[in-house]
């Protein structure tokens, strides 16, 4: 338990910020190429999409992504991405989502201290439900920072209904360790290259 506390309080954050800084520098050329491609594809909208998400202890923060959908997409339809046939996605957006490259601006979230590389996938402030509607058990997942990837992402990703997704996140919060984070990292690499579990195939929320 003491080792877990030291890892979560000091080591995990230090590793996150170091790797985020290295990643931002190494991927600077890619940021430029993707930014140009996004503007050519849909010049009316911004390159970076910002959205309010629930973070550690339920604190609201702005998550950054490369914009993969048309302007105002979050206010039309379900407001939530469903699959690659969603007509709100731009042409470059299909590529960004299939390769998960839309996520790399979150390196800046990590550098700021809002996020971690591994944690729970931070939910919207209104989906699957508002902060006030989470049970005490479900709120345990918010004890850590949200991550670009996490235990729920490598165990079903978008195919997992939210209640079970939260159960997986709670399990991670109670069992977090350096070795578990390494395992999740390599499982994530495999999932991204295989483009597996990247579409909602059933009900995403059951109340």
N, C-alpha and C. Protein backbone atom coordinates (compact mmCIF):
# COMPACT_ATOMS: atom_id res chain seq x y z
N UNK A 1 0.82 -1.21 0.00
CA UNK A 1 0.00 0.00 0.00
C UNK A 1 0.86 1.26 0.00
N UNK A 2 1.96 1.24 0.79
CA UNK A 2 2.86 2.39 0.84
C UNK A 2 3.52 2.61 -0.51
N UNK A 3 3.91 1.50 -1.17
CA UNK A 3 4.53 1.60 -2.49
C UNK A 3 3.56 2.20 -3.50
N UNK A 4 2.29 1.81 -3.40
CA UNK A 4 1.26 2.35 -4.29
C UNK A 4 1.13 3.85 -4.09
N UNK A 5 1.11 4.29 -2.82
CA UNK A 5 0.97 5.71 -2.51
C UNK A 5 2.13 6.52 -3.05
N UNK A 6 3.35 6.01 -2.88
CA UNK A 6 4.54 6.71 -3.38
C UNK A 6 4.50 6.79 -4.90
N UNK A 7 4.13 5.68 -5.53
CA UNK A 7 4.07 5.67 -7.00
C UNK A 7 3.05 6.67 -7.51
N UNK A 8 1.85 6.69 -6.93
CA UNK A 8 0.78 7.58 -7.39
C UNK A 8 1.08 9.05 -7.11
N UNK A 9 1.69 9.33 -5.95
CA UNK A 9 1.91 10.72 -5.54
C UNK A 9 3.13 11.35 -6.19
N UNK A 10 4.15 10.58 -6.47
CA UNK A 10 5.40 11.16 -6.95
C UNK A 10 5.89 10.58 -8.28
N UNK A 11 6.05 9.29 -8.35
CA UNK A 11 6.70 8.66 -9.50
C UNK A 11 5.84 8.75 -10.76
N UNK A 12 4.58 8.40 -10.68
CA UNK A 12 3.69 8.37 -11.85
C UNK A 12 3.62 9.73 -12.53
N UNK A 13 3.43 10.79 -11.74
CA UNK A 13 3.34 12.14 -12.30
C UNK A 13 4.63 12.60 -12.94
N UNK A 14 5.76 12.27 -12.30
CA UNK A 14 7.06 12.67 -12.85
C UNK A 14 7.32 11.98 -14.18
N UNK A 15 7.00 10.68 -14.25
CA UNK A 15 7.17 9.94 -15.50
C UNK A 15 6.26 10.51 -16.58
N UNK A 16 5.02 10.81 -16.21
CA UNK A 16 4.06 11.37 -17.16
C UNK A 16 4.56 12.66 -17.78
N UNK A 17 4.99 13.58 -16.94
CA UNK A 17 5.42 14.89 -17.46
C UNK A 17 6.67 14.78 -18.31
N UNK A 18 7.60 13.93 -17.90
CA UNK A 18 8.83 13.75 -18.68
C UNK A 18 8.51 13.19 -20.06
N UNK A 19 7.72 12.12 -20.10
CA UNK A 19 7.39 11.50 -21.38
C UNK A 19 6.53 12.41 -22.25
N UNK A 20 5.66 13.20 -21.62
CA UNK A 20 4.82 14.14 -22.39
C UNK A 20 5.70 15.20 -23.05
N UNK A 21 6.67 15.73 -22.32
CA UNK A 21 7.57 16.74 -22.89
C UNK A 21 8.37 16.17 -24.04
N UNK A 22 8.88 14.95 -23.86
CA UNK A 22 9.63 14.28 -24.94
C UNK A 22 8.72 14.05 -26.14
N UNK A 23 7.50 13.60 -25.89
CA UNK A 23 6.55 13.32 -26.97
C UNK A 23 6.19 14.57 -27.76
N UNK A 24 5.97 15.67 -27.06
CA UNK A 24 5.62 16.93 -27.74
C UNK A 24 6.75 17.37 -28.67
N UNK A 25 7.98 17.24 -28.19
CA UNK A 25 9.14 17.62 -29.02
C UNK A 25 9.28 16.68 -30.22
N UNK A 26 9.17 15.38 -29.96
CA UNK A 26 9.37 14.39 -31.03
C UNK A 26 8.26 14.44 -32.08
N UNK A 27 7.06 14.78 -31.66
CA UNK A 27 5.93 14.78 -32.58
C UNK A 27 5.59 16.18 -33.12
N UNK A 28 6.47 17.15 -32.90
CA UNK A 28 6.18 18.51 -33.34
C UNK A 28 5.95 18.58 -34.86
N UNK A 29 6.71 17.81 -35.62
CA UNK A 29 6.54 17.78 -37.08
C UNK A 29 5.18 17.20 -37.46
N UNK A 30 4.74 16.20 -36.69
CA UNK A 30 3.45 15.57 -36.97
C UNK A 30 2.30 16.50 -36.63
N UNK A 31 2.44 17.26 -35.54
CA UNK A 31 1.42 18.25 -35.19
C UNK A 31 1.20 19.21 -36.36
N UNK A 32 2.30 19.68 -36.95
CA UNK A 32 2.22 20.64 -38.04
C UNK A 32 1.52 20.04 -39.25
N UNK A 33 1.90 18.83 -39.63
CA UNK A 33 1.30 18.16 -40.79
C UNK A 33 -0.20 17.94 -40.58
N UNK A 34 -0.58 17.44 -39.41
CA UNK A 34 -1.98 17.17 -39.14
C UNK A 34 -2.80 18.47 -39.06
N UNK A 35 -2.21 19.51 -38.51
CA UNK A 35 -2.90 20.80 -38.43
C UNK A 35 -3.21 21.33 -39.83
N UNK A 36 -2.24 21.24 -40.73
CA UNK A 36 -2.44 21.70 -42.11
C UNK A 36 -3.52 20.85 -42.79
N UNK A 37 -3.47 19.53 -42.58
CA UNK A 37 -4.46 18.63 -43.20
C UNK A 37 -5.87 18.92 -42.71
N UNK A 38 -6.01 19.21 -41.43
CA UNK A 38 -7.33 19.51 -40.86
C UNK A 38 -7.89 20.80 -41.44
N UNK A 39 -7.04 21.82 -41.59
CA UNK A 39 -7.50 23.10 -42.13
C UNK A 39 -7.83 23.00 -43.61
N UNK A 40 -7.09 22.21 -44.35
CA UNK A 40 -7.39 22.02 -45.77
C UNK A 40 -8.72 21.30 -45.94
N UNK A 41 -8.94 20.29 -45.10
CA UNK A 41 -10.16 19.49 -45.19
C UNK A 41 -11.40 20.28 -44.79
N UNK A 42 -11.28 21.07 -43.73
CA UNK A 42 -12.43 21.84 -43.23
C UNK A 42 -11.93 23.16 -42.68
N UNK A 43 -11.70 24.14 -43.57
CA UNK A 43 -11.05 25.39 -43.17
C UNK A 43 -11.85 26.27 -42.21
N UNK A 44 -13.15 26.01 -42.08
CA UNK A 44 -13.98 26.87 -41.23
C UNK A 44 -13.77 26.62 -39.73
N UNK A 45 -13.35 25.43 -39.39
CA UNK A 45 -13.25 25.08 -37.98
C UNK A 45 -11.83 25.18 -37.44
N UNK A 46 -11.69 25.08 -36.12
CA UNK A 46 -10.36 25.13 -35.50
C UNK A 46 -9.62 23.81 -35.67
N UNK A 47 -8.32 23.84 -35.46
CA UNK A 47 -7.51 22.63 -35.53
C UNK A 47 -7.71 21.80 -34.26
N UNK A 48 -7.71 22.47 -33.13
CA UNK A 48 -7.84 21.80 -31.84
C UNK A 48 -9.28 21.89 -31.34
N UNK A 49 -9.80 20.75 -30.94
CA UNK A 49 -11.13 20.69 -30.35
C UNK A 49 -10.98 20.61 -28.83
N UNK A 50 -11.65 21.51 -28.12
CA UNK A 50 -11.59 21.52 -26.66
C UNK A 50 -12.96 21.11 -26.11
N UNK A 51 -12.93 20.30 -25.08
CA UNK A 51 -14.19 19.84 -24.50
C UNK A 51 -14.03 19.66 -22.99
N UNK A 52 -15.04 20.08 -22.25
CA UNK A 52 -14.99 19.93 -20.81
C UNK A 52 -15.18 18.46 -20.42
N UNK A 53 -14.32 17.98 -19.56
CA UNK A 53 -14.38 16.60 -19.08
C UNK A 53 -14.23 16.58 -17.56
N UNK A 54 -14.65 15.47 -16.96
CA UNK A 54 -14.48 15.27 -15.52
C UNK A 54 -13.13 14.64 -15.27
N UNK A 55 -12.34 15.28 -14.40
CA UNK A 55 -11.02 14.77 -14.09
C UNK A 55 -10.92 14.25 -12.67
N UNK A 56 -9.74 14.31 -12.11
CA UNK A 56 -9.49 13.81 -10.76
C UNK A 56 -10.42 14.48 -9.76
N UNK A 57 -11.02 13.68 -8.91
CA UNK A 57 -11.96 14.14 -7.88
C UNK A 57 -13.15 14.90 -8.46
N UNK A 58 -13.46 14.63 -9.73
CA UNK A 58 -14.61 15.26 -10.36
C UNK A 58 -14.37 16.68 -10.84
N UNK A 59 -13.13 17.15 -10.76
CA UNK A 59 -12.82 18.50 -11.22
C UNK A 59 -12.94 18.59 -12.74
N UNK A 60 -13.58 19.64 -13.21
CA UNK A 60 -13.77 19.83 -14.66
C UNK A 60 -12.52 20.46 -15.27
N UNK A 61 -12.07 19.91 -16.39
CA UNK A 61 -10.93 20.48 -17.10
C UNK A 61 -11.21 20.43 -18.60
N UNK A 62 -10.39 21.12 -19.38
CA UNK A 62 -10.53 21.13 -20.84
C UNK A 62 -9.62 20.08 -21.45
N UNK A 63 -10.23 19.10 -22.10
CA UNK A 63 -9.44 18.08 -22.81
C UNK A 63 -9.19 18.55 -24.24
N UNK A 64 -7.97 18.34 -24.75
CA UNK A 64 -7.61 18.75 -26.10
C UNK A 64 -7.56 17.55 -27.04
N UNK A 65 -8.05 17.74 -28.24
CA UNK A 65 -7.94 16.74 -29.29
C UNK A 65 -7.77 17.45 -30.63
N UNK A 66 -7.21 16.75 -31.61
CA UNK A 66 -7.30 17.26 -32.96
C UNK A 66 -8.75 17.10 -33.40
N UNK A 67 -9.30 18.13 -34.00
CA UNK A 67 -10.71 18.10 -34.39
C UNK A 67 -10.92 17.08 -35.51
N UNK A 68 -11.81 16.13 -35.27
CA UNK A 68 -12.11 15.09 -36.25
C UNK A 68 -13.55 15.16 -36.74
N UNK A 69 -14.33 16.07 -36.17
CA UNK A 69 -15.74 16.17 -36.54
C UNK A 69 -16.06 17.59 -36.98
N UNK A 70 -17.18 17.74 -37.63
CA UNK A 70 -17.60 19.05 -38.09
C UNK A 70 -17.90 19.96 -36.91
N UNK A 71 -17.80 21.25 -37.13
CA UNK A 71 -18.05 22.23 -36.07
C UNK A 71 -19.47 22.07 -35.54
N UNK A 72 -19.60 22.01 -34.22
CA UNK A 72 -20.92 21.89 -33.60
C UNK A 72 -21.45 20.47 -33.54
N UNK A 73 -20.61 19.49 -33.90
CA UNK A 73 -21.07 18.09 -33.95
C UNK A 73 -21.56 17.59 -32.59
N UNK A 74 -20.96 18.12 -31.50
CA UNK A 74 -21.35 17.64 -30.18
C UNK A 74 -22.77 18.07 -29.79
N UNK A 75 -23.33 19.01 -30.58
CA UNK A 75 -24.68 19.50 -30.30
C UNK A 75 -25.71 18.92 -31.27
N UNK A 76 -25.29 17.98 -32.12
CA UNK A 76 -26.22 17.35 -33.06
C UNK A 76 -26.23 15.85 -32.86
N UNK A 77 -27.32 15.22 -33.20
CA UNK A 77 -27.44 13.78 -33.01
C UNK A 77 -27.33 13.42 -31.54
N UNK A 78 -26.62 12.34 -31.25
CA UNK A 78 -26.45 11.90 -29.86
C UNK A 78 -25.43 12.76 -29.11
N UNK A 79 -24.63 13.53 -29.88
CA UNK A 79 -23.59 14.32 -29.26
C UNK A 79 -22.35 13.51 -28.94
N UNK A 80 -22.41 12.20 -29.17
CA UNK A 80 -21.31 11.29 -28.86
C UNK A 80 -20.97 10.48 -30.10
N UNK A 81 -19.67 10.33 -30.39
CA UNK A 81 -19.23 9.54 -31.54
C UNK A 81 -19.72 8.11 -31.40
N UNK A 82 -20.23 7.54 -32.52
CA UNK A 82 -20.73 6.17 -32.46
C UNK A 82 -19.90 5.21 -33.29
N UNK A 83 -19.69 5.52 -34.60
CA UNK A 83 -18.88 4.64 -35.44
C UNK A 83 -18.37 5.44 -36.64
N UNK A 84 -17.59 4.76 -37.50
CA UNK A 84 -16.96 5.48 -38.61
C UNK A 84 -17.93 5.85 -39.73
N UNK A 85 -19.20 5.50 -39.59
CA UNK A 85 -20.21 5.91 -40.56
C UNK A 85 -20.94 7.17 -40.12
N UNK A 86 -20.55 7.70 -38.99
CA UNK A 86 -21.13 8.94 -38.46
C UNK A 86 -20.83 10.07 -39.45
N UNK A 87 -21.88 10.67 -40.03
CA UNK A 87 -21.66 11.67 -41.07
C UNK A 87 -21.19 13.02 -40.53
N UNK A 88 -21.01 13.11 -39.23
CA UNK A 88 -20.46 14.34 -38.64
C UNK A 88 -18.93 14.35 -38.68
N UNK A 89 -18.33 13.22 -39.03
CA UNK A 89 -16.88 13.12 -39.06
C UNK A 89 -16.35 13.68 -40.38
N UNK A 90 -15.27 14.44 -40.32
CA UNK A 90 -14.64 14.97 -41.52
C UNK A 90 -13.83 13.87 -42.20
N UNK A 91 -13.37 14.13 -43.41
CA UNK A 91 -12.59 13.12 -44.13
C UNK A 91 -11.29 12.80 -43.40
N UNK A 92 -10.56 13.83 -42.98
CA UNK A 92 -9.32 13.60 -42.23
C UNK A 92 -9.65 13.01 -40.86
N UNK A 93 -10.86 13.32 -40.37
CA UNK A 93 -11.28 12.81 -39.07
C UNK A 93 -11.36 11.30 -39.02
N UNK A 94 -11.76 10.67 -40.12
CA UNK A 94 -11.81 9.21 -40.18
C UNK A 94 -10.42 8.62 -39.94
N UNK A 95 -9.42 9.22 -40.59
CA UNK A 95 -8.04 8.76 -40.43
C UNK A 95 -7.55 9.00 -39.01
N UNK A 96 -7.84 10.17 -38.46
CA UNK A 96 -7.39 10.51 -37.12
C UNK A 96 -7.95 9.54 -36.08
N UNK A 97 -9.22 9.19 -36.23
CA UNK A 97 -9.85 8.30 -35.25
C UNK A 97 -9.39 6.85 -35.40
N UNK A 98 -9.22 6.40 -36.63
CA UNK A 98 -8.77 5.03 -36.85
C UNK A 98 -7.37 4.80 -36.29
N UNK A 99 -6.53 5.83 -36.36
CA UNK A 99 -5.15 5.72 -35.90
C UNK A 99 -4.96 6.26 -34.48
N UNK A 100 -6.03 6.84 -33.91
CA UNK A 100 -6.00 7.47 -32.57
C UNK A 100 -5.06 8.67 -32.52
N UNK A 101 -4.71 9.22 -33.69
CA UNK A 101 -3.85 10.41 -33.70
C UNK A 101 -4.58 11.66 -33.22
N UNK A 102 -5.91 11.61 -33.18
CA UNK A 102 -6.67 12.75 -32.66
C UNK A 102 -6.37 12.95 -31.17
N UNK A 103 -5.80 11.94 -30.52
CA UNK A 103 -5.56 12.00 -29.08
C UNK A 103 -4.24 12.69 -28.70
N UNK A 104 -3.31 12.84 -29.63
CA UNK A 104 -1.96 13.26 -29.22
C UNK A 104 -1.87 14.68 -28.64
N UNK A 105 -2.82 15.61 -28.93
CA UNK A 105 -2.74 16.90 -28.22
C UNK A 105 -2.92 16.75 -26.71
N UNK A 106 -3.39 15.59 -26.26
CA UNK A 106 -3.55 15.38 -24.82
C UNK A 106 -2.20 15.28 -24.11
N UNK A 107 -1.11 15.23 -24.87
CA UNK A 107 0.21 15.32 -24.26
C UNK A 107 0.34 16.65 -23.52
N UNK A 108 -0.32 17.70 -24.04
CA UNK A 108 -0.30 18.99 -23.36
C UNK A 108 -1.13 18.94 -22.08
N UNK A 109 -2.23 18.18 -22.08
CA UNK A 109 -3.00 17.98 -20.86
C UNK A 109 -2.16 17.30 -19.78
N UNK A 110 -1.35 16.33 -20.22
CA UNK A 110 -0.48 15.61 -19.28
C UNK A 110 0.59 16.55 -18.73
N UNK A 111 1.17 17.35 -19.62
CA UNK A 111 2.20 18.29 -19.19
C UNK A 111 1.65 19.31 -18.20
N UNK A 112 0.39 19.71 -18.40
CA UNK A 112 -0.27 20.65 -17.48
C UNK A 112 -0.63 20.02 -16.15
N UNK A 113 -0.69 18.69 -16.11
CA UNK A 113 -1.07 18.02 -14.88
C UNK A 113 -2.52 17.63 -14.80
N UNK A 114 -3.28 17.83 -15.89
CA UNK A 114 -4.70 17.46 -15.90
C UNK A 114 -4.89 15.96 -16.08
N UNK A 115 -3.96 15.33 -16.80
CA UNK A 115 -4.12 13.95 -17.19
C UNK A 115 -2.85 13.14 -16.93
N UNK A 116 -2.99 11.84 -17.11
CA UNK A 116 -1.87 10.90 -17.03
C UNK A 116 -1.87 10.08 -18.32
N UNK A 117 -0.81 9.35 -18.58
CA UNK A 117 -0.83 8.45 -19.73
C UNK A 117 -1.81 7.31 -19.50
N UNK A 118 -1.83 6.80 -18.28
CA UNK A 118 -2.72 5.68 -17.94
C UNK A 118 -3.63 6.09 -16.78
N UNK A 119 -4.92 5.89 -16.97
CA UNK A 119 -5.89 6.22 -15.94
C UNK A 119 -7.28 5.83 -16.44
N UNK A 120 -8.31 6.44 -15.91
CA UNK A 120 -9.65 6.23 -16.46
C UNK A 120 -9.86 7.18 -17.64
N UNK A 121 -10.68 6.78 -18.59
CA UNK A 121 -10.99 7.65 -19.72
C UNK A 121 -12.01 8.66 -19.23
N UNK A 122 -11.62 9.93 -19.15
CA UNK A 122 -12.47 10.92 -18.51
C UNK A 122 -13.79 11.12 -19.26
N UNK A 123 -14.91 11.02 -18.56
CA UNK A 123 -16.21 11.18 -19.19
C UNK A 123 -16.58 12.64 -19.41
N UNK A 124 -17.56 12.85 -20.25
CA UNK A 124 -18.12 14.18 -20.44
C UNK A 124 -18.79 14.62 -19.14
N UNK A 125 -19.05 15.90 -19.00
CA UNK A 125 -19.69 16.40 -17.79
C UNK A 125 -21.16 16.00 -17.71
N UNK A 126 -21.72 15.53 -18.84
CA UNK A 126 -23.13 15.16 -18.88
C UNK A 126 -23.36 13.72 -19.33
N UNK A 127 -22.31 13.01 -19.74
CA UNK A 127 -22.43 11.65 -20.24
C UNK A 127 -21.32 10.78 -19.67
N UNK A 128 -21.61 9.62 -19.09
CA UNK A 128 -22.92 8.96 -19.11
C UNK A 128 -23.94 9.58 -18.16
N UNK A 129 -23.46 10.34 -17.17
CA UNK A 129 -24.36 11.10 -16.31
C UNK A 129 -23.56 12.19 -15.60
N UNK A 130 -24.24 13.08 -14.92
CA UNK A 130 -23.58 14.19 -14.24
C UNK A 130 -22.85 13.70 -13.00
N UNK A 131 -21.88 14.50 -12.54
CA UNK A 131 -21.05 14.15 -11.39
C UNK A 131 -21.91 13.78 -10.17
N UNK A 132 -22.98 14.53 -9.95
CA UNK A 132 -23.82 14.30 -8.78
C UNK A 132 -24.50 12.93 -8.81
N UNK A 133 -24.58 12.32 -9.98
CA UNK A 133 -25.31 11.06 -10.11
C UNK A 133 -24.41 9.82 -9.97
N UNK A 134 -23.11 10.01 -9.86
CA UNK A 134 -22.22 8.87 -9.63
C UNK A 134 -22.37 8.39 -8.19
N UNK A 135 -22.35 7.08 -7.99
CA UNK A 135 -22.42 6.54 -6.64
C UNK A 135 -21.05 6.69 -5.97
N UNK A 136 -21.02 6.50 -4.65
CA UNK A 136 -19.75 6.58 -3.93
C UNK A 136 -18.76 5.55 -4.46
N UNK A 137 -19.27 4.36 -4.80
CA UNK A 137 -18.41 3.31 -5.35
C UNK A 137 -17.84 3.73 -6.69
N UNK A 138 -18.67 4.30 -7.56
CA UNK A 138 -18.23 4.71 -8.89
C UNK A 138 -17.22 5.86 -8.81
N UNK A 139 -17.38 6.71 -7.80
CA UNK A 139 -16.48 7.86 -7.67
C UNK A 139 -15.06 7.46 -7.30
N UNK A 140 -14.86 6.23 -6.90
CA UNK A 140 -13.51 5.77 -6.57
C UNK A 140 -12.58 5.85 -7.77
N UNK A 141 -13.14 5.75 -8.98
CA UNK A 141 -12.28 5.81 -10.17
C UNK A 141 -11.67 7.20 -10.34
N UNK A 142 -12.32 8.22 -9.75
CA UNK A 142 -11.83 9.58 -9.88
C UNK A 142 -10.71 9.90 -8.88
N UNK A 143 -10.26 8.90 -8.12
CA UNK A 143 -9.18 9.12 -7.16
C UNK A 143 -7.85 9.40 -7.87
N UNK A 144 -7.73 8.96 -9.12
CA UNK A 144 -6.54 9.18 -9.93
C UNK A 144 -6.86 10.14 -11.07
N UNK A 145 -5.83 10.58 -11.75
CA UNK A 145 -6.03 11.43 -12.92
C UNK A 145 -6.55 10.60 -14.09
N UNK A 146 -7.34 11.20 -14.96
CA UNK A 146 -7.77 10.49 -16.17
C UNK A 146 -6.58 10.24 -17.08
N UNK A 147 -6.71 9.25 -17.97
CA UNK A 147 -5.59 8.90 -18.83
C UNK A 147 -5.96 8.87 -20.30
N UNK A 148 -4.95 8.92 -21.14
CA UNK A 148 -5.15 8.73 -22.57
C UNK A 148 -5.63 7.30 -22.83
N UNK A 149 -5.10 6.38 -22.04
CA UNK A 149 -5.57 5.00 -22.09
C UNK A 149 -5.78 4.51 -20.67
N UNK A 150 -6.32 3.28 -20.55
CA UNK A 150 -6.59 2.76 -19.22
C UNK A 150 -7.03 1.31 -19.27
N UNK A 151 -7.32 0.76 -18.10
CA UNK A 151 -7.70 -0.64 -17.99
C UNK A 151 -9.00 -0.93 -18.75
N UNK A 152 -9.94 -0.01 -18.72
CA UNK A 152 -11.20 -0.21 -19.46
C UNK A 152 -10.95 -0.16 -20.96
N UNK A 153 -10.02 0.70 -21.40
CA UNK A 153 -9.74 0.83 -22.83
C UNK A 153 -9.14 -0.45 -23.41
N UNK A 154 -8.34 -1.14 -22.64
CA UNK A 154 -7.70 -2.36 -23.16
C UNK A 154 -8.54 -3.60 -22.88
N UNK A 155 -9.68 -3.41 -22.25
CA UNK A 155 -10.58 -4.53 -21.96
C UNK A 155 -11.97 -4.28 -22.56
N UNK A 156 -11.96 -3.84 -23.81
CA UNK A 156 -13.23 -3.66 -24.51
C UNK A 156 -13.42 -2.30 -25.12
N UNK A 157 -12.76 -1.28 -24.56
CA UNK A 157 -12.82 0.06 -25.13
C UNK A 157 -14.26 0.51 -25.33
N UNK A 158 -14.69 0.81 -26.55
CA UNK A 158 -16.04 1.33 -26.79
C UNK A 158 -17.12 0.27 -26.83
N UNK A 159 -16.73 -0.99 -26.77
CA UNK A 159 -17.74 -2.06 -26.77
C UNK A 159 -18.27 -2.32 -25.37
N UNK A 160 -17.68 -1.71 -24.36
CA UNK A 160 -18.06 -1.95 -22.98
C UNK A 160 -19.09 -0.91 -22.52
N UNK A 161 -20.19 -1.38 -21.96
CA UNK A 161 -21.22 -0.47 -21.44
C UNK A 161 -20.65 0.29 -20.24
N UNK A 162 -21.13 1.51 -20.03
CA UNK A 162 -20.50 2.42 -19.10
C UNK A 162 -20.44 1.93 -17.66
N UNK A 163 -21.47 1.26 -17.18
CA UNK A 163 -21.43 0.77 -15.81
C UNK A 163 -20.27 -0.20 -15.61
N UNK A 164 -20.09 -1.11 -16.58
CA UNK A 164 -18.98 -2.06 -16.48
C UNK A 164 -17.65 -1.35 -16.70
N UNK A 165 -17.65 -0.35 -17.57
CA UNK A 165 -16.44 0.43 -17.82
C UNK A 165 -15.96 1.09 -16.53
N UNK A 166 -16.92 1.62 -15.78
CA UNK A 166 -16.58 2.26 -14.51
C UNK A 166 -16.05 1.24 -13.51
N UNK A 167 -16.64 0.04 -13.50
CA UNK A 167 -16.16 -1.03 -12.62
C UNK A 167 -14.70 -1.36 -12.92
N UNK A 168 -14.36 -1.40 -14.19
CA UNK A 168 -12.97 -1.65 -14.58
C UNK A 168 -12.06 -0.52 -14.12
N UNK A 169 -12.53 0.71 -14.24
CA UNK A 169 -11.75 1.87 -13.81
C UNK A 169 -11.55 1.88 -12.30
N UNK A 170 -12.58 1.49 -11.56
CA UNK A 170 -12.46 1.41 -10.10
C UNK A 170 -11.43 0.34 -9.73
N UNK A 171 -11.48 -0.80 -10.43
CA UNK A 171 -10.49 -1.85 -10.17
C UNK A 171 -9.08 -1.33 -10.39
N UNK A 172 -8.89 -0.55 -11.47
CA UNK A 172 -7.56 0.00 -11.76
C UNK A 172 -7.12 0.94 -10.64
N UNK A 173 -8.03 1.80 -10.18
CA UNK A 173 -7.69 2.76 -9.12
C UNK A 173 -7.26 2.04 -7.85
N UNK A 174 -7.83 0.87 -7.60
CA UNK A 174 -7.51 0.12 -6.38
C UNK A 174 -6.27 -0.76 -6.55
N UNK A 175 -5.82 -0.97 -7.77
CA UNK A 175 -4.71 -1.88 -8.03
C UNK A 175 -3.57 -1.24 -8.82
N UNK A 176 -3.57 0.05 -8.96
CA UNK A 176 -2.58 0.74 -9.79
C UNK A 176 -1.15 0.43 -9.33
N UNK A 177 -0.28 0.22 -10.31
CA UNK A 177 1.14 -0.03 -10.03
C UNK A 177 1.93 0.28 -11.29
N UNK A 178 3.23 0.38 -11.15
CA UNK A 178 4.08 0.64 -12.30
C UNK A 178 3.99 -0.50 -13.31
N UNK A 179 4.03 -1.73 -12.84
CA UNK A 179 3.98 -2.87 -13.74
C UNK A 179 2.63 -2.97 -14.46
N UNK A 180 1.54 -2.62 -13.77
CA UNK A 180 0.23 -2.63 -14.41
C UNK A 180 0.17 -1.56 -15.49
N UNK A 181 0.74 -0.39 -15.23
CA UNK A 181 0.76 0.67 -16.24
C UNK A 181 1.55 0.25 -17.48
N UNK A 182 2.67 -0.44 -17.27
CA UNK A 182 3.46 -0.93 -18.39
C UNK A 182 2.64 -1.93 -19.21
N UNK A 183 1.94 -2.83 -18.52
CA UNK A 183 1.10 -3.82 -19.20
C UNK A 183 0.03 -3.13 -20.03
N UNK A 184 -0.63 -2.13 -19.45
CA UNK A 184 -1.69 -1.41 -20.16
C UNK A 184 -1.12 -0.68 -21.38
N UNK A 185 0.07 -0.13 -21.23
CA UNK A 185 0.71 0.59 -22.35
C UNK A 185 0.89 -0.34 -23.55
N UNK A 186 1.46 -1.51 -23.33
CA UNK A 186 1.71 -2.41 -24.45
C UNK A 186 0.41 -3.00 -25.00
N UNK A 187 -0.58 -3.23 -24.15
CA UNK A 187 -1.87 -3.68 -24.63
C UNK A 187 -2.53 -2.60 -25.50
N UNK A 188 -2.33 -1.34 -25.12
CA UNK A 188 -2.88 -0.22 -25.89
C UNK A 188 -2.26 -0.15 -27.27
N UNK A 189 -0.95 -0.31 -27.34
CA UNK A 189 -0.24 -0.29 -28.63
C UNK A 189 -0.84 -1.33 -29.56
N UNK A 190 -1.07 -2.52 -29.04
CA UNK A 190 -1.65 -3.59 -29.85
C UNK A 190 -3.06 -3.21 -30.31
N UNK A 191 -3.87 -2.67 -29.40
CA UNK A 191 -5.25 -2.30 -29.74
C UNK A 191 -5.28 -1.23 -30.83
N UNK A 192 -4.40 -0.25 -30.73
CA UNK A 192 -4.37 0.85 -31.70
C UNK A 192 -3.98 0.32 -33.08
N UNK A 193 -2.93 -0.50 -33.14
CA UNK A 193 -2.49 -1.03 -34.43
C UNK A 193 -3.53 -1.97 -35.04
N UNK A 194 -4.26 -2.68 -34.19
CA UNK A 194 -5.30 -3.59 -34.68
C UNK A 194 -6.62 -2.86 -34.92
N UNK A 195 -6.70 -1.60 -34.44
CA UNK A 195 -7.94 -0.80 -34.54
C UNK A 195 -9.14 -1.59 -34.01
N UNK A 196 -8.95 -2.24 -32.89
CA UNK A 196 -10.00 -3.09 -32.33
C UNK A 196 -10.83 -2.36 -31.29
N UNK A 197 -12.11 -2.76 -31.16
CA UNK A 197 -13.04 -2.22 -30.17
C UNK A 197 -13.18 -0.71 -30.28
N UNK A 198 -13.18 -0.18 -31.53
CA UNK A 198 -13.21 1.26 -31.73
C UNK A 198 -14.58 1.77 -32.16
N UNK A 199 -15.61 0.93 -32.06
CA UNK A 199 -16.95 1.37 -32.41
C UNK A 199 -17.94 0.91 -31.36
N UNK A 200 -18.95 1.75 -31.10
CA UNK A 200 -20.01 1.35 -30.20
C UNK A 200 -20.88 0.31 -30.90
N UNK A 201 -21.01 -0.88 -30.29
CA UNK A 201 -21.76 -1.95 -30.93
C UNK A 201 -23.06 -2.27 -30.21
N UNK A 202 -23.32 -1.64 -29.12
CA UNK A 202 -24.57 -1.87 -28.39
C UNK A 202 -24.90 -0.67 -27.54
N UNK A 203 -25.72 -0.87 -26.51
CA UNK A 203 -26.07 0.23 -25.62
C UNK A 203 -24.83 0.67 -24.86
N UNK A 204 -24.55 1.98 -24.86
CA UNK A 204 -23.38 2.48 -24.16
C UNK A 204 -23.69 2.80 -22.71
N UNK A 205 -24.96 3.03 -22.40
CA UNK A 205 -25.35 3.35 -21.04
C UNK A 205 -26.63 2.60 -20.68
N UNK A 206 -26.59 1.89 -19.55
CA UNK A 206 -27.79 1.24 -19.02
C UNK A 206 -28.02 1.79 -17.63
N UNK A 207 -29.21 2.30 -17.39
CA UNK A 207 -29.53 2.88 -16.10
C UNK A 207 -30.42 1.96 -15.29
